[in-house]
């Protein structure tokens, strides 16, 4: 609740963005589909609770740095620091959470 997700596009296949092969779309209940223009270095925030979709039919990767933060302080028991070289992938969060107090995100 009251969280924010900041996107920093680091690599955007420009030709795919121009041709429509790369799309980032927010689905707004009252306004319909809203296209989010993707440009390297153009930072934007999304409400991750709002439905959205991304398609990348380009021949290259789309790479974004994602920064999540909360308006309210997060209890120290929910803090976790990665060790050098350690990876914590989106689909393996439960494995990473084993090292946190409470063992869950």
N, C-alpha and C. Protein backbone atom coordinates (compact mmCIF):
# COMPACT_ATOMS: atom_id res chain seq x y z
N UNK A 1 0.85 -1.18 0.00
CA UNK A 1 0.00 0.00 0.00
C UNK A 1 0.89 1.24 0.00
N UNK A 2 0.52 2.23 -0.75
CA UNK A 2 1.26 3.47 -0.88
C UNK A 2 2.68 3.22 -1.38
N UNK A 3 2.83 2.23 -2.23
CA UNK A 3 4.12 1.95 -2.83
C UNK A 3 4.23 2.59 -4.20
N UNK A 4 5.43 2.73 -4.65
CA UNK A 4 5.69 3.35 -5.94
C UNK A 4 6.68 2.48 -6.71
N UNK A 5 6.53 2.43 -8.01
CA UNK A 5 7.48 1.74 -8.87
C UNK A 5 7.96 2.74 -9.92
N UNK A 6 9.26 3.00 -9.89
CA UNK A 6 9.89 3.90 -10.84
C UNK A 6 10.60 3.06 -11.89
N UNK A 7 10.37 3.37 -13.15
CA UNK A 7 11.04 2.70 -14.27
C UNK A 7 12.11 3.64 -14.83
N UNK A 8 13.30 3.12 -14.99
CA UNK A 8 14.37 3.85 -15.66
C UNK A 8 14.76 3.02 -16.89
N UNK A 9 14.24 3.36 -18.07
CA UNK A 9 14.59 2.60 -19.26
C UNK A 9 16.07 2.77 -19.59
N UNK A 10 16.81 1.67 -19.54
CA UNK A 10 18.24 1.69 -19.84
C UNK A 10 18.52 1.32 -21.28
N UNK A 11 17.80 0.31 -21.78
CA UNK A 11 17.93 -0.13 -23.16
C UNK A 11 16.53 -0.26 -23.75
N UNK A 12 16.26 0.53 -24.77
CA UNK A 12 14.97 0.48 -25.47
C UNK A 12 15.27 0.32 -26.95
N UNK A 13 14.83 -0.80 -27.55
CA UNK A 13 15.05 -0.95 -28.98
C UNK A 13 14.29 0.13 -29.74
N UNK A 14 14.99 1.16 -30.16
CA UNK A 14 14.35 2.34 -30.75
C UNK A 14 13.50 2.00 -31.97
N UNK A 15 14.00 1.14 -32.85
CA UNK A 15 13.25 0.79 -34.05
C UNK A 15 11.95 0.09 -33.68
N UNK A 16 11.99 -0.77 -32.65
CA UNK A 16 10.78 -1.48 -32.22
C UNK A 16 9.78 -0.52 -31.60
N UNK A 17 10.27 0.44 -30.82
CA UNK A 17 9.38 1.43 -30.21
C UNK A 17 8.70 2.26 -31.30
N UNK A 18 9.46 2.63 -32.32
CA UNK A 18 8.91 3.46 -33.41
C UNK A 18 7.92 2.68 -34.27
N UNK A 19 8.16 1.37 -34.45
CA UNK A 19 7.31 0.57 -35.33
C UNK A 19 6.08 0.00 -34.62
N UNK A 20 6.05 0.09 -33.29
CA UNK A 20 4.93 -0.47 -32.55
C UNK A 20 5.17 -1.90 -32.09
N UNK A 21 6.38 -2.43 -32.32
CA UNK A 21 6.71 -3.78 -31.88
C UNK A 21 7.03 -3.82 -30.38
N UNK A 22 7.16 -2.66 -29.76
CA UNK A 22 7.41 -2.57 -28.33
C UNK A 22 6.35 -1.66 -27.73
N UNK A 23 5.56 -2.20 -26.80
CA UNK A 23 4.46 -1.43 -26.22
C UNK A 23 4.43 -1.61 -24.71
N UNK A 24 4.17 -0.52 -24.01
CA UNK A 24 3.94 -0.53 -22.56
C UNK A 24 2.62 0.18 -22.39
N UNK A 25 1.59 -0.54 -21.97
CA UNK A 25 0.24 0.00 -21.94
C UNK A 25 -0.36 -0.12 -20.54
N UNK A 26 -0.84 0.99 -20.02
CA UNK A 26 -1.60 1.00 -18.77
C UNK A 26 -3.08 0.88 -19.14
N UNK A 27 -3.82 0.07 -18.40
CA UNK A 27 -5.24 -0.15 -18.69
C UNK A 27 -6.05 0.60 -17.63
N UNK A 28 -6.57 1.76 -18.03
CA UNK A 28 -7.31 2.62 -17.11
C UNK A 28 -8.80 2.33 -17.27
N UNK A 29 -9.46 2.10 -16.13
CA UNK A 29 -10.88 1.70 -16.16
C UNK A 29 -11.75 2.71 -16.89
N UNK A 30 -11.53 3.99 -16.69
CA UNK A 30 -12.38 5.01 -17.31
C UNK A 30 -11.87 5.52 -18.64
N UNK A 31 -10.56 5.43 -18.87
CA UNK A 31 -9.97 6.03 -20.08
C UNK A 31 -9.49 5.00 -21.09
N UNK A 32 -9.55 3.73 -20.75
CA UNK A 32 -9.12 2.69 -21.68
C UNK A 32 -7.61 2.53 -21.66
N UNK A 33 -7.06 2.05 -22.76
CA UNK A 33 -5.62 1.80 -22.87
C UNK A 33 -4.85 3.11 -23.03
N UNK A 34 -3.80 3.25 -22.23
CA UNK A 34 -2.95 4.44 -22.30
C UNK A 34 -1.53 3.97 -22.61
N UNK A 35 -1.03 4.36 -23.77
CA UNK A 35 0.31 3.98 -24.18
C UNK A 35 1.35 4.82 -23.44
N UNK A 36 2.34 4.15 -22.85
CA UNK A 36 3.42 4.84 -22.16
C UNK A 36 4.62 4.88 -23.11
N UNK A 37 5.02 6.05 -23.57
CA UNK A 37 6.17 6.13 -24.49
C UNK A 37 7.44 5.66 -23.79
N UNK A 38 8.19 4.81 -24.46
CA UNK A 38 9.45 4.31 -23.91
C UNK A 38 10.63 4.94 -24.63
N UNK A 39 11.49 5.56 -23.85
CA UNK A 39 12.68 6.21 -24.40
C UNK A 39 13.80 6.04 -23.37
N UNK A 40 14.98 5.67 -23.84
CA UNK A 40 16.10 5.47 -22.92
C UNK A 40 16.33 6.71 -22.08
N UNK A 41 16.40 6.51 -20.76
CA UNK A 41 16.67 7.60 -19.84
C UNK A 41 15.45 8.40 -19.42
N UNK A 42 14.29 8.17 -20.05
CA UNK A 42 13.07 8.91 -19.71
C UNK A 42 12.37 8.17 -18.57
N UNK A 43 12.57 8.63 -17.35
CA UNK A 43 12.08 7.98 -16.13
C UNK A 43 10.58 8.21 -15.99
N UNK A 44 9.87 7.15 -15.55
CA UNK A 44 8.44 7.31 -15.29
C UNK A 44 8.02 6.42 -14.12
N UNK A 45 6.91 6.78 -13.51
CA UNK A 45 6.36 6.03 -12.39
C UNK A 45 5.04 5.41 -12.82
N UNK A 46 4.80 4.17 -12.37
CA UNK A 46 3.50 3.56 -12.60
C UNK A 46 2.94 3.10 -11.26
N UNK A 47 1.62 3.02 -11.22
CA UNK A 47 0.95 2.40 -10.09
C UNK A 47 0.85 0.92 -10.45
N UNK A 48 1.63 0.09 -9.81
CA UNK A 48 1.71 -1.32 -10.17
C UNK A 48 0.42 -2.07 -9.87
N UNK A 49 -0.50 -1.45 -9.12
CA UNK A 49 -1.79 -2.08 -8.85
C UNK A 49 -2.75 -1.91 -10.02
N UNK A 50 -2.45 -0.97 -10.92
CA UNK A 50 -3.28 -0.75 -12.10
C UNK A 50 -2.87 -1.78 -13.15
N UNK A 51 -3.83 -2.46 -13.77
CA UNK A 51 -3.48 -3.44 -14.81
C UNK A 51 -2.66 -2.78 -15.91
N UNK A 52 -1.66 -3.51 -16.36
CA UNK A 52 -0.81 -3.02 -17.45
C UNK A 52 -0.25 -4.23 -18.20
N UNK A 53 0.24 -3.96 -19.39
CA UNK A 53 0.83 -5.03 -20.19
C UNK A 53 2.00 -4.47 -20.99
N UNK A 54 2.93 -5.35 -21.26
CA UNK A 54 4.11 -4.98 -22.05
C UNK A 54 4.29 -6.04 -23.12
N UNK A 55 4.57 -5.61 -24.32
CA UNK A 55 4.92 -6.55 -25.38
C UNK A 55 6.23 -6.09 -26.01
N UNK A 56 7.09 -7.05 -26.31
CA UNK A 56 8.35 -6.73 -26.96
C UNK A 56 8.58 -7.75 -28.06
N UNK A 57 8.20 -7.38 -29.27
CA UNK A 57 8.40 -8.25 -30.42
C UNK A 57 9.67 -7.88 -31.17
N UNK A 58 10.53 -7.13 -30.52
CA UNK A 58 11.81 -6.72 -31.12
C UNK A 58 12.79 -7.89 -31.08
N UNK A 59 13.86 -7.76 -31.80
CA UNK A 59 14.91 -8.78 -31.82
C UNK A 59 15.91 -8.59 -30.70
N UNK A 60 15.74 -7.54 -29.90
CA UNK A 60 16.68 -7.25 -28.81
C UNK A 60 15.93 -7.06 -27.51
N UNK A 61 16.67 -6.96 -26.42
CA UNK A 61 16.11 -6.83 -25.09
C UNK A 61 15.61 -5.42 -24.80
N UNK A 62 14.63 -5.34 -23.93
CA UNK A 62 14.20 -4.10 -23.30
C UNK A 62 14.66 -4.24 -21.86
N UNK A 63 15.48 -3.31 -21.38
CA UNK A 63 16.03 -3.41 -20.03
C UNK A 63 15.67 -2.15 -19.26
N UNK A 64 14.98 -2.35 -18.12
CA UNK A 64 14.61 -1.24 -17.24
C UNK A 64 15.19 -1.51 -15.86
N UNK A 65 15.66 -0.47 -15.22
CA UNK A 65 16.00 -0.51 -13.81
C UNK A 65 14.72 -0.15 -13.07
N UNK A 66 14.27 -1.03 -12.15
CA UNK A 66 13.05 -0.78 -11.40
C UNK A 66 13.40 -0.41 -9.97
N UNK A 67 12.81 0.66 -9.50
CA UNK A 67 13.01 1.12 -8.12
C UNK A 67 11.67 1.13 -7.43
N UNK A 68 11.52 0.32 -6.40
CA UNK A 68 10.29 0.29 -5.62
C UNK A 68 10.54 0.97 -4.28
N UNK A 69 9.60 1.80 -3.86
CA UNK A 69 9.72 2.38 -2.54
C UNK A 69 8.33 2.58 -1.95
N UNK A 70 8.29 2.64 -0.63
CA UNK A 70 7.03 2.80 0.10
C UNK A 70 7.05 4.13 0.83
N UNK A 71 5.87 4.73 0.97
CA UNK A 71 5.76 5.99 1.70
C UNK A 71 5.91 5.79 3.19
N UNK A 72 5.48 4.65 3.69
CA UNK A 72 5.60 4.34 5.12
C UNK A 72 6.89 3.57 5.36
N UNK A 73 7.51 3.78 6.52
CA UNK A 73 8.73 3.03 6.82
C UNK A 73 8.48 1.52 6.82
N UNK A 74 9.44 0.79 6.33
CA UNK A 74 9.37 -0.66 6.30
C UNK A 74 10.08 -1.19 7.54
N UNK A 75 9.43 -2.05 8.31
CA UNK A 75 10.06 -2.56 9.54
C UNK A 75 11.41 -3.21 9.25
N UNK A 76 12.35 -3.02 10.15
CA UNK A 76 13.69 -3.59 9.99
C UNK A 76 13.64 -5.09 9.77
N UNK A 77 12.64 -5.77 10.32
CA UNK A 77 12.53 -7.23 10.15
C UNK A 77 12.26 -7.61 8.70
N UNK A 78 11.83 -6.64 7.88
CA UNK A 78 11.57 -6.91 6.46
C UNK A 78 12.72 -6.45 5.56
N UNK A 79 13.80 -5.99 6.13
CA UNK A 79 14.96 -5.57 5.34
C UNK A 79 15.81 -6.79 5.01
N UNK A 80 16.34 -6.80 3.82
CA UNK A 80 17.24 -7.88 3.43
C UNK A 80 18.30 -7.29 2.50
N UNK A 81 19.53 -7.60 2.77
CA UNK A 81 20.63 -7.09 1.96
C UNK A 81 21.25 -8.24 1.19
N UNK A 82 21.34 -8.10 -0.12
CA UNK A 82 21.96 -9.13 -0.94
C UNK A 82 23.46 -9.15 -0.71
N UNK A 83 24.03 -10.34 -0.72
CA UNK A 83 25.48 -10.48 -0.66
C UNK A 83 26.05 -10.18 -2.05
N UNK A 84 27.32 -9.82 -2.11
CA UNK A 84 27.96 -9.54 -3.39
C UNK A 84 27.83 -10.77 -4.29
N UNK A 85 27.34 -10.56 -5.50
CA UNK A 85 27.18 -11.64 -6.47
C UNK A 85 25.90 -12.44 -6.33
N UNK A 86 25.13 -12.20 -5.27
CA UNK A 86 23.89 -12.93 -5.06
C UNK A 86 22.80 -12.38 -5.97
N UNK A 87 21.98 -13.26 -6.49
CA UNK A 87 20.87 -12.86 -7.34
C UNK A 87 19.56 -13.17 -6.65
N UNK A 88 18.61 -12.30 -6.83
CA UNK A 88 17.27 -12.52 -6.28
C UNK A 88 16.29 -12.17 -7.39
N UNK A 89 15.90 -13.17 -8.16
CA UNK A 89 15.03 -12.95 -9.30
C UNK A 89 13.58 -12.79 -8.91
N UNK A 90 12.83 -12.13 -9.77
CA UNK A 90 11.42 -11.85 -9.51
C UNK A 90 10.64 -13.13 -9.21
N UNK A 91 10.97 -14.21 -9.93
CA UNK A 91 10.24 -15.46 -9.77
C UNK A 91 10.83 -16.35 -8.68
N UNK A 92 11.83 -15.86 -7.97
CA UNK A 92 12.41 -16.65 -6.88
C UNK A 92 12.45 -15.86 -5.58
N UNK A 93 11.49 -14.97 -5.39
CA UNK A 93 11.47 -14.13 -4.20
C UNK A 93 11.32 -14.94 -2.93
N UNK A 94 10.56 -16.03 -2.99
CA UNK A 94 10.40 -16.86 -1.79
C UNK A 94 11.73 -17.45 -1.33
N UNK A 95 12.57 -17.82 -2.28
CA UNK A 95 13.90 -18.36 -1.94
C UNK A 95 14.73 -17.27 -1.25
N UNK A 96 14.67 -16.07 -1.75
CA UNK A 96 15.41 -14.97 -1.13
C UNK A 96 14.84 -14.65 0.25
N UNK A 97 13.53 -14.78 0.40
CA UNK A 97 12.87 -14.43 1.66
C UNK A 97 13.24 -15.38 2.79
N UNK A 98 13.78 -16.55 2.47
CA UNK A 98 14.18 -17.49 3.51
C UNK A 98 15.20 -16.86 4.46
N UNK A 99 15.92 -15.86 3.98
CA UNK A 99 16.95 -15.20 4.77
C UNK A 99 16.41 -14.05 5.61
N UNK A 100 15.11 -13.73 5.43
CA UNK A 100 14.50 -12.63 6.17
C UNK A 100 13.80 -13.16 7.40
N UNK A 101 13.63 -12.31 8.38
CA UNK A 101 12.83 -12.69 9.55
C UNK A 101 11.39 -12.89 9.09
N UNK A 102 10.79 -13.95 9.50
CA UNK A 102 9.41 -14.22 9.09
C UNK A 102 9.32 -15.04 7.82
N UNK A 103 10.40 -15.16 7.08
CA UNK A 103 10.49 -15.97 5.85
C UNK A 103 9.44 -15.67 4.79
N UNK A 104 9.01 -14.42 4.68
CA UNK A 104 8.08 -14.08 3.59
C UNK A 104 8.22 -12.60 3.26
N UNK A 105 7.83 -12.25 2.06
CA UNK A 105 7.88 -10.87 1.60
C UNK A 105 6.72 -10.13 2.16
